[in-house]
């Protein structure tokens, strides 16, 4: 699906790209995940960011982030691994070859 951000989302993305230490104080459903992923994709695509660790509540990490990555066309260059569960499961996810660009974890 084509991503067409609202004006406030454009401002938030621009702010993240120029101020890497950012907190998004937006209500539920206003696009915090798509804003963040759009900024991360831009940073990755320009070589300004490497592997990224995202710490999120379990439901957000296991459902929201993966869904947003597959929903928007412009995020196709990003991949994720959810690190959740037992330490042995987490270790096996970490050591399973090449690290993705975006890692979500709880």
N, C-alpha and C. Protein backbone atom coordinates (compact mmCIF):
# COMPACT_ATOMS: atom_id res chain seq x y z
N UNK A 1 0.85 -1.17 0.00
CA UNK A 1 0.00 0.00 0.00
C UNK A 1 0.90 1.24 0.00
N UNK A 2 0.47 2.25 -0.70
CA UNK A 2 1.24 3.50 -0.77
C UNK A 2 1.03 4.31 0.51
N UNK A 3 2.12 4.79 1.08
CA UNK A 3 2.08 5.57 2.32
C UNK A 3 2.01 7.05 1.97
N UNK A 4 0.96 7.71 2.41
CA UNK A 4 0.81 9.15 2.23
C UNK A 4 0.65 9.78 3.60
N UNK A 5 1.76 10.24 4.19
CA UNK A 5 1.68 10.77 5.56
C UNK A 5 0.92 12.10 5.63
N UNK A 6 0.27 12.29 6.76
CA UNK A 6 -0.37 13.57 7.07
C UNK A 6 0.72 14.60 7.37
N UNK A 7 0.35 15.88 7.41
CA UNK A 7 1.33 16.94 7.68
C UNK A 7 2.07 16.72 8.99
N UNK A 8 1.35 16.35 10.05
CA UNK A 8 2.01 16.15 11.34
C UNK A 8 2.97 14.96 11.28
N UNK A 9 2.66 13.96 10.45
CA UNK A 9 3.56 12.82 10.29
C UNK A 9 4.81 13.23 9.51
N UNK A 10 4.66 14.08 8.49
CA UNK A 10 5.82 14.62 7.78
C UNK A 10 6.74 15.37 8.74
N UNK A 11 6.16 16.20 9.59
CA UNK A 11 6.96 16.96 10.55
C UNK A 11 7.68 16.03 11.51
N UNK A 12 7.00 14.99 11.96
CA UNK A 12 7.62 14.04 12.89
C UNK A 12 8.77 13.28 12.22
N UNK A 13 8.57 12.84 10.98
CA UNK A 13 9.62 12.13 10.25
C UNK A 13 10.83 13.05 10.07
N UNK A 14 10.60 14.28 9.65
CA UNK A 14 11.70 15.25 9.48
C UNK A 14 12.43 15.49 10.78
N UNK A 15 11.68 15.58 11.87
CA UNK A 15 12.29 15.80 13.18
C UNK A 15 13.19 14.62 13.56
N UNK A 16 12.72 13.41 13.34
CA UNK A 16 13.53 12.22 13.65
C UNK A 16 14.81 12.23 12.82
N UNK A 17 14.70 12.60 11.55
CA UNK A 17 15.86 12.58 10.66
C UNK A 17 16.90 13.63 11.03
N UNK A 18 16.49 14.69 11.70
CA UNK A 18 17.45 15.74 12.08
C UNK A 18 17.79 15.73 13.56
N UNK A 19 17.02 15.05 14.37
CA UNK A 19 17.25 14.94 15.82
C UNK A 19 17.10 13.48 16.20
N UNK A 20 18.18 12.74 16.19
CA UNK A 20 18.09 11.29 16.36
C UNK A 20 17.60 10.85 17.73
N UNK A 21 17.63 11.72 18.72
CA UNK A 21 17.06 11.40 20.04
C UNK A 21 15.69 12.06 20.12
N UNK A 22 14.68 11.29 19.82
CA UNK A 22 13.33 11.84 19.68
C UNK A 22 12.32 10.98 20.43
N UNK A 23 11.34 11.63 21.00
CA UNK A 23 10.20 10.95 21.60
C UNK A 23 8.96 11.41 20.84
N UNK A 24 8.15 10.46 20.40
CA UNK A 24 6.91 10.80 19.71
C UNK A 24 5.76 10.72 20.71
N UNK A 25 5.18 11.85 21.00
CA UNK A 25 4.05 11.90 21.93
C UNK A 25 2.77 12.08 21.12
N UNK A 26 2.31 10.98 20.58
CA UNK A 26 1.10 10.97 19.76
C UNK A 26 0.13 9.95 20.32
N UNK A 27 -1.14 10.21 20.16
CA UNK A 27 -2.15 9.29 20.64
C UNK A 27 -2.19 7.99 19.85
N UNK A 28 -2.95 7.04 20.39
CA UNK A 28 -3.09 5.74 19.75
C UNK A 28 -3.72 5.91 18.36
N UNK A 29 -3.13 5.23 17.38
CA UNK A 29 -3.67 5.25 16.03
C UNK A 29 -3.23 6.42 15.17
N UNK A 30 -2.30 7.24 15.66
CA UNK A 30 -1.87 8.40 14.89
C UNK A 30 -0.59 8.15 14.08
N UNK A 31 -0.11 6.91 14.06
CA UNK A 31 0.97 6.56 13.15
C UNK A 31 2.37 6.58 13.71
N UNK A 32 2.53 6.38 15.01
CA UNK A 32 3.88 6.37 15.59
C UNK A 32 4.76 5.30 14.95
N UNK A 33 4.20 4.13 14.73
CA UNK A 33 4.99 3.04 14.15
C UNK A 33 5.38 3.36 12.71
N UNK A 34 4.44 3.80 11.89
CA UNK A 34 4.77 4.10 10.49
C UNK A 34 5.72 5.29 10.39
N UNK A 35 5.58 6.27 11.27
CA UNK A 35 6.50 7.41 11.30
C UNK A 35 7.91 6.92 11.60
N UNK A 36 8.03 6.12 12.65
CA UNK A 36 9.34 5.62 13.06
C UNK A 36 9.96 4.74 11.99
N UNK A 37 9.18 3.82 11.43
CA UNK A 37 9.71 2.94 10.39
C UNK A 37 10.10 3.71 9.13
N UNK A 38 9.34 4.73 8.78
CA UNK A 38 9.68 5.55 7.62
C UNK A 38 11.00 6.26 7.83
N UNK A 39 11.19 6.82 9.02
CA UNK A 39 12.46 7.48 9.33
C UNK A 39 13.60 6.47 9.34
N UNK A 40 13.38 5.29 9.94
CA UNK A 40 14.42 4.25 9.96
C UNK A 40 14.79 3.81 8.55
N UNK A 41 13.80 3.63 7.69
CA UNK A 41 14.08 3.23 6.31
C UNK A 41 14.93 4.28 5.61
N UNK A 42 14.61 5.55 5.82
CA UNK A 42 15.40 6.63 5.21
C UNK A 42 16.83 6.62 5.74
N UNK A 43 16.99 6.43 7.04
CA UNK A 43 18.33 6.39 7.63
C UNK A 43 19.12 5.18 7.15
N UNK A 44 18.47 4.03 7.05
CA UNK A 44 19.13 2.83 6.54
C UNK A 44 19.52 2.99 5.07
N UNK A 45 18.60 3.52 4.28
CA UNK A 45 18.84 3.65 2.84
C UNK A 45 19.95 4.64 2.50
N UNK A 46 20.22 5.57 3.41
CA UNK A 46 21.30 6.54 3.19
C UNK A 46 22.57 6.17 3.95
N UNK A 47 22.57 5.00 4.58
CA UNK A 47 23.75 4.54 5.30
C UNK A 47 24.00 5.24 6.62
N UNK A 48 23.01 5.94 7.14
CA UNK A 48 23.16 6.66 8.40
C UNK A 48 22.79 5.83 9.62
N UNK A 49 22.24 4.65 9.40
CA UNK A 49 21.87 3.77 10.51
C UNK A 49 22.20 2.34 10.12
N UNK A 50 22.61 1.58 11.11
CA UNK A 50 22.88 0.17 10.90
C UNK A 50 21.76 -0.65 11.51
N UNK A 51 22.15 -1.71 12.18
CA UNK A 51 21.17 -2.55 12.86
C UNK A 51 20.50 -1.74 13.96
N UNK A 52 19.22 -1.95 14.12
CA UNK A 52 18.44 -1.15 15.05
C UNK A 52 17.69 -2.05 16.01
N UNK A 53 17.73 -1.70 17.28
CA UNK A 53 16.99 -2.43 18.30
C UNK A 53 15.81 -1.59 18.73
N UNK A 54 14.64 -2.15 18.66
CA UNK A 54 13.42 -1.47 19.09
C UNK A 54 12.86 -2.25 20.27
N UNK A 55 12.66 -1.58 21.36
CA UNK A 55 12.10 -2.22 22.55
C UNK A 55 10.64 -1.78 22.64
N UNK A 56 9.76 -2.76 22.67
CA UNK A 56 8.33 -2.45 22.64
C UNK A 56 7.57 -3.46 23.49
N UNK A 57 6.36 -3.11 23.92
CA UNK A 57 5.52 -4.10 24.58
C UNK A 57 5.32 -5.31 23.66
N UNK A 58 5.11 -6.46 24.26
CA UNK A 58 5.07 -7.71 23.50
C UNK A 58 4.08 -7.67 22.35
N UNK A 59 2.87 -7.21 22.58
CA UNK A 59 1.86 -7.18 21.51
C UNK A 59 2.29 -6.26 20.37
N UNK A 60 2.84 -5.12 20.69
CA UNK A 60 3.31 -4.19 19.66
C UNK A 60 4.45 -4.83 18.86
N UNK A 61 5.38 -5.50 19.58
CA UNK A 61 6.53 -6.13 18.92
C UNK A 61 6.11 -7.31 18.05
N UNK A 62 5.14 -8.09 18.52
CA UNK A 62 4.78 -9.31 17.79
C UNK A 62 3.70 -9.10 16.74
N UNK A 63 2.91 -8.04 16.86
CA UNK A 63 1.81 -7.84 15.91
C UNK A 63 1.92 -6.52 15.13
N UNK A 64 2.04 -5.41 15.85
CA UNK A 64 1.98 -4.10 15.19
C UNK A 64 3.15 -3.86 14.24
N UNK A 65 4.38 -4.03 14.75
CA UNK A 65 5.55 -3.74 13.90
C UNK A 65 5.61 -4.65 12.68
N UNK A 66 5.48 -5.97 12.83
CA UNK A 66 5.50 -6.81 11.62
C UNK A 66 4.38 -6.47 10.63
N UNK A 67 3.20 -6.13 11.14
CA UNK A 67 2.08 -5.78 10.25
C UNK A 67 2.38 -4.50 9.48
N UNK A 68 2.95 -3.51 10.15
CA UNK A 68 3.28 -2.24 9.48
C UNK A 68 4.37 -2.45 8.43
N UNK A 69 5.34 -3.32 8.72
CA UNK A 69 6.41 -3.58 7.75
C UNK A 69 5.87 -4.19 6.46
N UNK A 70 4.84 -5.01 6.56
CA UNK A 70 4.28 -5.62 5.35
C UNK A 70 3.18 -4.76 4.71
N UNK A 71 2.63 -3.83 5.46
CA UNK A 71 1.53 -3.00 4.96
C UNK A 71 1.98 -1.94 3.96
N UNK A 72 3.12 -1.29 4.22
CA UNK A 72 3.55 -0.13 3.43
C UNK A 72 4.63 -0.50 2.43
N UNK A 73 4.43 -0.13 1.18
CA UNK A 73 5.37 -0.45 0.10
C UNK A 73 6.77 0.10 0.36
N UNK A 74 6.86 1.31 0.88
CA UNK A 74 8.17 1.95 1.03
C UNK A 74 9.02 1.31 2.13
N UNK A 75 8.47 0.37 2.88
CA UNK A 75 9.23 -0.29 3.95
C UNK A 75 9.74 -1.67 3.54
N UNK A 76 9.65 -2.00 2.27
CA UNK A 76 10.03 -3.33 1.79
C UNK A 76 11.50 -3.65 2.04
N UNK A 77 12.35 -2.62 2.18
CA UNK A 77 13.78 -2.87 2.40
C UNK A 77 14.09 -3.26 3.84
N UNK A 78 13.12 -3.10 4.74
CA UNK A 78 13.34 -3.44 6.15
C UNK A 78 12.83 -4.84 6.45
N UNK A 79 13.50 -5.49 7.37
CA UNK A 79 13.02 -6.79 7.86
C UNK A 79 13.12 -6.77 9.37
N UNK A 80 12.50 -7.73 10.02
CA UNK A 80 12.54 -7.74 11.48
C UNK A 80 12.59 -9.15 12.01
N UNK A 81 13.09 -9.25 13.22
CA UNK A 81 13.06 -10.48 14.00
C UNK A 81 12.53 -10.10 15.36
N UNK A 82 11.54 -10.81 15.85
CA UNK A 82 11.00 -10.54 17.18
C UNK A 82 11.73 -11.45 18.16
N UNK A 83 12.36 -10.84 19.14
CA UNK A 83 13.04 -11.59 20.18
C UNK A 83 12.14 -11.62 21.40
N UNK A 84 11.45 -12.71 21.59
CA UNK A 84 10.52 -12.86 22.71
C UNK A 84 10.52 -14.32 23.13
N UNK A 85 10.30 -14.55 24.39
CA UNK A 85 10.23 -15.92 24.87
C UNK A 85 11.44 -16.29 25.70
N UNK A 86 11.74 -17.56 25.72
CA UNK A 86 12.81 -18.09 26.57
C UNK A 86 14.17 -17.60 26.09
N UNK A 87 15.16 -17.58 27.01
CA UNK A 87 16.51 -17.18 26.60
C UNK A 87 17.07 -18.04 25.47
N UNK A 88 16.78 -19.35 25.48
CA UNK A 88 17.32 -20.20 24.41
C UNK A 88 16.68 -19.87 23.06
N UNK A 89 15.38 -19.55 23.06
CA UNK A 89 14.71 -19.17 21.82
C UNK A 89 15.27 -17.84 21.31
N UNK A 90 15.51 -16.91 22.22
CA UNK A 90 16.06 -15.61 21.84
C UNK A 90 17.46 -15.78 21.27
N UNK A 91 18.29 -16.60 21.94
CA UNK A 91 19.65 -16.84 21.44
C UNK A 91 19.63 -17.46 20.05
N UNK A 92 18.74 -18.43 19.84
CA UNK A 92 18.70 -19.08 18.52
C UNK A 92 18.24 -18.09 17.44
N UNK A 93 17.34 -17.19 17.78
CA UNK A 93 16.91 -16.16 16.82
C UNK A 93 18.07 -15.23 16.48
N UNK A 94 18.88 -14.91 17.49
CA UNK A 94 20.01 -14.00 17.29
C UNK A 94 21.11 -14.65 16.46
N UNK A 95 21.32 -15.94 16.63
CA UNK A 95 22.44 -16.59 15.97
C UNK A 95 22.06 -17.24 14.64
N UNK A 96 20.84 -17.04 14.20
CA UNK A 96 20.37 -17.68 12.96
C UNK A 96 20.83 -16.91 11.73
N UNK A 97 22.12 -16.77 11.59
CA UNK A 97 22.67 -16.15 10.38
C UNK A 97 22.69 -14.64 10.41
N UNK A 98 22.36 -14.06 9.29
CA UNK A 98 22.45 -12.62 9.07
C UNK A 98 21.41 -11.86 9.91
N UNK A 99 21.87 -10.81 10.58
CA UNK A 99 20.97 -9.95 11.35
C UNK A 99 20.15 -9.10 10.40
N UNK A 100 18.90 -8.86 10.72
CA UNK A 100 18.09 -7.95 9.90
C UNK A 100 18.44 -6.50 10.22
N UNK A 101 17.85 -5.60 9.49
CA UNK A 101 18.09 -4.18 9.75
C UNK A 101 17.33 -3.67 10.96
N UNK A 102 16.20 -4.27 11.24
CA UNK A 102 15.35 -3.79 12.33
C UNK A 102 14.97 -4.97 13.21
N UNK A 103 15.25 -4.86 14.48
CA UNK A 103 14.94 -5.93 15.42
C UNK A 103 13.94 -5.40 16.43
N UNK A 104 12.84 -6.11 16.61
CA UNK A 104 11.90 -5.73 17.66
C UNK A 104 12.00 -6.73 18.78
N UNK A 105 11.89 -6.28 19.98
CA UNK A 105 12.13 -7.14 21.13
C UNK A 105 11.29 -6.71 22.31
N UNK A 106 10.91 -7.66 23.12
CA UNK A 106 10.24 -7.37 24.40
C UNK A 106 10.89 -8.16 25.47
